[in-house]
Amino acid sequence: MMTQDPIYASQARPWLKYYDQKYIEQTIPTVSAFEYVCQRNKNHLNDTALDYYGRKFTYADLIVNVKKTAAALRGVGVQKGDIITVVSVMTPEVIALFYAADMIGATLNLVDPRYSVEGIHEYIEEVDSHLLVCLNVVYERCRQAAKRTNVEKVIVLSPADSLPPVMAVGYRLTTPDKNKYASNAIRWKQFIANGKNQSTAAEPYDPDHACVVVHTGGTTGSPKGVMLTDNSFNAIAQQFRAYDKLFHRGQKPLRTKRYDLFHDPLYAECQQPEKVRQLIVRDSDDVNLSLW
């Protein structure tokens, strides 16, 4: 009796039956992730790109903010090939920072703000960052972590920097900033202002350029840094376009339940990691994941 050779899914590719032929044949664009955003939205500049607790940013806003952030990065000495460590949740500032770093050929090293001083220190050293960006609620931990590293400047942002005005006032009243900042700390708004006269020219596309370094969970061993290129992000964007039965321009988020920023356990854990760690699991279904 003859046996047939197994047919592997990677060979049969049964998932292709769910896609239109035009998407199956498409190729990944040879442009940076930021340039691809600009290309795809040049006729949709007034569409909403980001919605941060009710404050909406259009694609025009996003592109302007990215270019301002790119100029600011050059203003603090960031060059092509540099790796910037970021210890923050995903605020509008960090999104602009991601595309700005990509635009000038730099890379973001994304670190979970719940990590210990030792963990943050290890990730800074791993990529030899000279610039650190962090939330104000984890500044003290980051200041300690940056000791005995090559970090020269620390850019500090607040979750309230892009909140609607009333919410921003409420956040600052309920979460006052009590940090004592070192001389190398720069607040986000000042950081942006300092880049006013710097170039906003984009570096040429480089297929080997890594947009970000993310870290594995370490379930089966020590956590490892994973470098994601422009092609990685552009392919993800194309994947969303290809499944247009589920994803389309202008749709509302699939998750609409809003969480109270002032009592969000994710922010609380940044301040008291051990005391509220159990809240992350208990309330994980309710957290507004757009922050991450």
Protein backbone atom coordinates (compact mmCIF):
# COMPACT_ATOMS: atom_id res chain seq x y z
CA MET A 1 0.00 0.00 0.00
CA MET A 2 1.46 3.33 -1.03
CA THR A 3 1.36 6.25 1.34
CA GLN A 4 1.01 9.83 0.19
CA ASP A 5 3.49 12.44 1.23
CA PRO A 6 1.98 14.86 3.75
CA ILE A 7 0.75 18.19 2.44
CA TYR A 8 1.80 20.98 4.74
CA ALA A 9 -0.33 24.06 5.31
CA SER A 10 2.59 26.25 4.26
CA GLN A 11 2.44 24.54 0.87
CA ALA A 12 -1.34 24.24 0.43
CA ARG A 13 -2.00 27.73 1.83
CA PRO A 14 -5.74 27.11 2.37
CA TRP A 15 -6.24 30.62 3.79
CA LEU A 16 -5.84 32.18 0.35
CA LYS A 17 -9.43 31.23 -0.54
CA TYR A 18 -10.58 34.01 1.80
CA TYR A 19 -8.72 36.74 -0.09
CA ASP A 20 -9.32 38.55 -3.34
CA GLN A 21 -6.72 37.74 -6.00
CA LYS A 22 -5.50 41.34 -6.10
CA TYR A 23 -4.36 41.02 -2.48
CA ILE A 24 -2.71 37.66 -3.03
CA GLU A 25 -0.55 39.14 -5.77
CA GLN A 26 0.36 42.38 -4.02
CA THR A 27 3.96 43.10 -3.00
CA ILE A 28 5.22 44.89 0.09
CA PRO A 29 5.89 48.58 -0.68
CA THR A 30 9.56 49.55 -0.61
CA VAL A 31 9.06 52.62 1.56
CA SER A 32 9.37 53.40 5.26
CA ALA A 33 6.41 52.74 7.55
CA PHE A 34 5.87 56.49 7.88
CA GLU A 35 6.01 57.08 4.14
CA TYR A 36 3.44 54.32 3.66
CA VAL A 37 1.09 56.04 6.12
CA CYS A 38 1.52 59.27 4.16
CA GLN A 39 0.89 57.56 0.82
CA ARG A 40 -2.19 55.70 1.99
CA ASN A 41 -3.77 58.78 3.57
CA LYS A 42 -2.83 61.66 1.28
CA ASN A 43 -6.47 61.87 0.19
CA HIS A 44 -7.82 61.31 3.70
CA LEU A 45 -5.98 63.96 5.69
CA ASN A 46 -9.14 65.01 7.54
CA ASP A 47 -10.00 61.48 8.63
CA THR A 48 -9.44 60.54 12.26
CA ALA A 49 -6.10 58.79 12.78
CA LEU A 50 -6.10 58.65 16.59
CA ASP A 51 -8.78 58.95 19.26
CA TYR A 52 -7.26 59.50 22.71
CA TYR A 53 -9.99 59.58 25.35
CA GLY A 54 -12.23 61.64 23.09
CA ARG A 55 -9.56 63.91 21.61
CA LYS A 56 -9.30 63.19 17.92
CA PHE A 57 -6.19 63.61 15.79
CA THR A 58 -6.56 63.67 12.00
CA TYR A 59 -3.95 62.20 9.66
CA ALA A 60 -2.87 65.77 8.93
CA ASP A 61 -2.33 66.30 12.68
CA LEU A 62 -0.41 63.05 12.96
CA ILE A 63 1.90 63.84 10.04
CA VAL A 64 2.66 67.32 11.38
CA ASN A 65 3.34 65.91 14.87
CA VAL A 66 5.64 63.24 13.44
CA LYS A 67 7.70 65.82 11.56
CA LYS A 68 7.92 68.07 14.63
CA THR A 69 9.06 65.09 16.68
CA ALA A 70 11.65 64.14 14.04
CA ALA A 71 13.05 67.67 14.19
CA ALA A 72 13.12 67.49 17.99
CA LEU A 73 15.01 64.19 17.88
CA ARG A 74 17.63 65.76 15.66
CA GLY A 75 17.71 68.68 18.10
CA VAL A 76 18.88 66.39 20.91
CA GLY A 77 21.47 64.74 18.69
CA VAL A 78 19.73 61.58 17.50
CA GLN A 79 21.22 60.23 14.27
CA LYS A 80 20.55 57.41 11.84
CA GLY A 81 21.27 54.07 13.52
CA ASP A 82 20.69 55.29 17.09
CA ILE A 83 18.39 53.31 19.38
CA ILE A 84 16.11 55.22 21.77
CA THR A 85 14.74 53.39 24.79
CA VAL A 86 11.09 54.19 25.52
CA VAL A 87 9.43 53.26 28.83
CA SER A 88 5.78 54.18 28.34
CA VAL A 89 2.30 53.12 27.41
CA MET A 90 1.12 54.00 23.89
CA THR A 91 0.17 57.69 24.11
CA PRO A 92 -0.14 59.90 21.00
CA GLU A 93 3.36 61.21 21.75
CA VAL A 94 4.84 57.71 21.55
CA ILE A 95 3.04 57.03 18.26
CA ALA A 96 4.53 60.24 16.82
CA LEU A 97 7.90 59.22 18.25
CA PHE A 98 7.70 55.81 16.57
CA TYR A 99 7.13 57.28 13.11
CA ALA A 100 9.60 60.13 13.71
CA ALA A 101 12.39 57.72 14.65
CA ASP A 102 11.52 55.64 11.60
CA MET A 103 11.64 58.77 9.43
CA ILE A 104 15.21 59.66 10.46
CA GLY A 105 16.55 56.10 10.49
CA ALA A 106 16.58 55.61 14.26
CA THR A 107 15.00 52.78 16.25
CA LEU A 108 12.78 52.59 19.34
CA ASN A 109 13.56 50.06 22.07
CA LEU A 110 10.13 49.55 23.67
CA VAL A 111 10.20 48.62 27.36
CA ASP A 112 7.19 47.76 29.53
CA PRO A 113 6.76 50.53 32.16
CA ARG A 114 5.98 47.89 34.79
CA TYR A 115 9.54 46.56 34.73
CA SER A 116 11.82 46.94 37.72
CA VAL A 117 14.82 49.28 37.87
CA GLU A 118 17.08 46.32 37.13
CA GLY A 119 14.97 45.23 34.15
CA ILE A 120 14.89 48.71 32.61
CA HIS A 121 18.62 49.11 33.21
CA GLU A 122 19.32 45.83 31.41
CA TYR A 123 17.29 46.85 28.35
CA ILE A 124 18.97 50.27 28.17
CA GLU A 125 22.42 48.66 28.27
CA GLU A 126 21.45 45.98 25.77
CA VAL A 127 21.06 48.55 22.97
CA ASP A 128 23.40 51.25 24.36
CA SER A 129 20.81 54.03 24.33
CA HIS A 130 21.97 57.61 24.77
CA LEU A 131 18.39 58.94 24.87
CA LEU A 132 15.65 57.68 27.18
CA VAL A 133 11.95 58.58 26.90
CA CYS A 134 9.63 57.77 29.78
CA LEU A 135 6.29 58.47 31.44
CA ASN A 136 6.48 60.84 34.39
CA VAL A 137 4.89 58.16 36.63
CA VAL A 138 7.95 55.93 36.11
CA TYR A 139 10.57 58.69 35.97
CA GLU A 140 12.20 57.86 39.31
CA ARG A 141 12.59 54.21 38.35
CA CYS A 142 14.02 55.24 34.98
CA ARG A 143 16.39 57.73 36.59
CA GLN A 144 17.77 54.97 38.78
CA ALA A 145 17.91 52.55 35.85
CA ALA A 146 19.87 55.02 33.71
CA LYS A 147 22.76 55.16 36.20
CA ARG A 148 25.95 53.53 34.91
CA THR A 149 24.66 53.64 31.33
CA ASN A 150 25.38 56.00 28.42
CA VAL A 151 22.02 57.80 28.72
CA GLU A 152 22.67 61.53 28.34
CA LYS A 153 19.13 62.95 28.21
CA VAL A 154 15.73 61.84 29.49
CA ILE A 155 12.57 63.04 27.73
CA VAL A 156 9.59 62.97 30.10
CA LEU A 157 5.99 62.81 28.93
CA SER A 158 2.70 62.67 30.82
CA PRO A 159 -0.44 60.65 30.03
CA ALA A 160 -2.20 64.03 30.27
CA ASP A 161 -0.16 65.76 27.55
CA SER A 162 -2.72 64.93 24.85
CA LEU A 163 -5.89 64.55 26.92
CA PRO A 164 -8.91 66.80 26.27
CA PRO A 165 -8.45 69.95 28.42
CA VAL A 166 -10.99 69.10 31.11
CA MET A 167 -9.68 65.56 31.50
CA ALA A 168 -6.10 66.85 31.58
CA VAL A 169 -6.93 69.14 34.50
CA GLY A 170 -8.67 66.28 36.30
CA TYR A 171 -5.74 63.94 35.75
CA ARG A 172 -3.20 66.44 37.05
CA LEU A 173 -5.33 67.15 40.13
CA THR A 174 -5.72 63.48 40.98
CA THR A 175 -2.20 62.46 39.94
CA PRO A 176 0.12 65.35 40.81
CA ASP A 177 3.67 65.12 39.49
CA LYS A 178 5.93 65.02 42.57
CA ASN A 179 9.13 64.07 40.77
CA LYS A 180 12.38 65.90 41.43
CA TYR A 181 13.84 66.07 37.94
CA ALA A 182 17.57 65.89 37.26
CA SER A 183 19.26 68.48 35.07
CA ASN A 184 19.24 66.16 32.05
CA ALA A 185 15.44 65.74 32.08
CA ILE A 186 13.39 67.55 29.41
CA ARG A 187 9.60 67.74 29.42
CA TRP A 188 7.90 66.73 26.18
CA LYS A 189 6.60 70.16 25.17
CA GLN A 190 10.02 71.72 25.68
CA PHE A 191 11.61 68.87 23.74
CA ILE A 192 9.33 69.61 20.77
CA ALA A 193 9.92 73.38 21.03
CA ASN A 194 13.70 72.87 20.99
CA GLY A 195 13.53 71.23 17.58
CA LYS A 196 11.94 74.22 15.86
CA ASN A 197 14.83 74.98 13.50
CA GLN A 198 15.94 71.41 12.81
CA SER A 199 15.56 69.51 9.54
CA THR A 200 12.47 67.38 8.88
CA ALA A 201 14.00 65.63 5.86
CA ALA A 202 13.46 61.87 5.76
CA GLU A 203 16.29 59.37 5.44
CA PRO A 204 16.18 57.15 2.32
CA TYR A 205 14.34 53.83 2.66
CA ASP A 206 16.55 51.04 4.00
CA PRO A 207 15.10 47.49 3.89
CA ASP A 208 17.39 46.47 6.77
CA HIS A 209 16.34 49.31 9.05
CA ALA A 210 14.63 48.20 12.27
CA CYS A 211 11.75 50.44 13.35
CA VAL A 212 11.54 48.97 16.84
CA VAL A 213 13.03 46.43 19.19
CA VAL A 214 10.36 44.56 21.18
CA HIS A 215 10.99 41.90 23.80
CA THR A 216 9.71 38.37 24.15
CA GLY A 217 8.03 37.30 27.39
CA GLY A 218 10.77 34.90 28.43
CA THR A 219 8.37 32.00 28.96
CA THR A 220 10.83 29.38 27.69
CA GLY A 221 14.06 31.19 28.48
CA SER A 222 15.57 34.65 28.90
CA PRO A 223 13.59 37.46 27.15
CA LYS A 224 15.04 38.32 23.77
CA GLY A 225 14.98 41.49 21.72
CA VAL A 226 13.15 41.17 18.40
CA MET A 227 13.93 43.68 15.63
CA LEU A 228 10.97 44.63 13.43
CA THR A 229 11.63 46.34 10.10
CA ASP A 230 9.58 48.73 7.95
CA ASN A 231 8.58 45.72 5.87
CA SER A 232 7.11 44.08 8.99
CA PHE A 233 4.81 47.02 9.70
CA ASN A 234 3.91 47.60 6.06
CA ALA A 235 2.98 43.92 5.71
CA ILE A 236 0.72 44.19 8.77
CA ALA A 237 -0.98 47.24 7.27
CA GLN A 238 -1.51 45.35 4.02
CA GLN A 239 -2.96 42.41 5.92
CA PHE A 240 -5.64 44.67 7.41
CA ARG A 241 -6.44 46.04 3.94
CA ALA A 242 -6.65 42.55 2.47
CA TYR A 243 -9.36 41.42 4.86
CA ASP A 244 -11.78 44.19 3.98
CA LYS A 245 -14.80 42.16 5.12
CA LEU A 246 -13.77 42.85 8.70
CA PHE A 247 -11.59 45.97 8.56
CA HIS A 248 -12.37 49.14 6.66
CA ARG A 249 -11.54 52.83 6.77
CA GLY A 250 -13.62 54.87 9.20
CA GLN A 251 -14.96 51.97 11.25
CA LYS A 252 -15.43 52.37 14.97
CA PRO A 253 -13.15 50.43 17.35
CA LEU A 254 -14.33 46.91 18.04
CA ARG A 255 -13.98 47.59 21.76
CA THR A 256 -15.89 50.63 22.90
CA LYS A 257 -15.92 50.33 26.69
CA ARG A 258 -13.90 53.22 28.10
CA TYR A 259 -11.87 52.83 31.27
CA ASP A 260 -11.40 55.53 33.87
CA LEU A 261 -7.90 56.92 33.28
CA PHE A 262 -7.67 58.23 36.82
CA HIS A 263 -8.17 54.77 38.30
CA ASP A 264 -6.66 52.59 35.59
CA PRO A 265 -4.75 49.75 37.28
CA LEU A 266 -2.20 49.77 34.46
CA TYR A 267 -1.19 53.31 35.42
CA ALA A 268 -1.46 52.44 39.09
CA GLU A 269 0.91 49.53 38.63
CA CYS A 270 3.49 51.83 37.08
CA GLN A 271 3.54 53.58 40.43
CA GLN A 272 3.10 50.60 42.78
CA PRO A 273 4.13 47.47 40.85
CA GLU A 274 3.78 44.84 43.57
CA LYS A 275 0.62 46.12 45.28
CA VAL A 276 -1.71 46.09 42.30
CA ARG A 277 -0.26 43.44 39.98
CA GLN A 278 -3.28 41.23 40.59
CA LEU A 279 -5.58 43.97 39.23
CA ILE A 280 -4.07 43.57 35.76
CA VAL A 281 -5.44 40.06 35.46
CA ARG A 282 -8.77 40.79 37.11
CA ASP A 283 -9.56 43.88 35.05
CA SER A 284 -7.80 42.99 31.81
CA ASP A 285 -11.08 42.72 29.86
CA ASP A 286 -12.08 46.27 30.78
CA VAL A 287 -8.88 48.18 30.07
CA ASN A 288 -8.85 50.48 27.05
CA LEU A 289 -6.16 48.63 25.11
CA SER A 290 -5.70 51.50 22.66
CA LEU A 291 -3.21 52.90 25.18
CA TRP A 292 -0.80 50.03 24.50
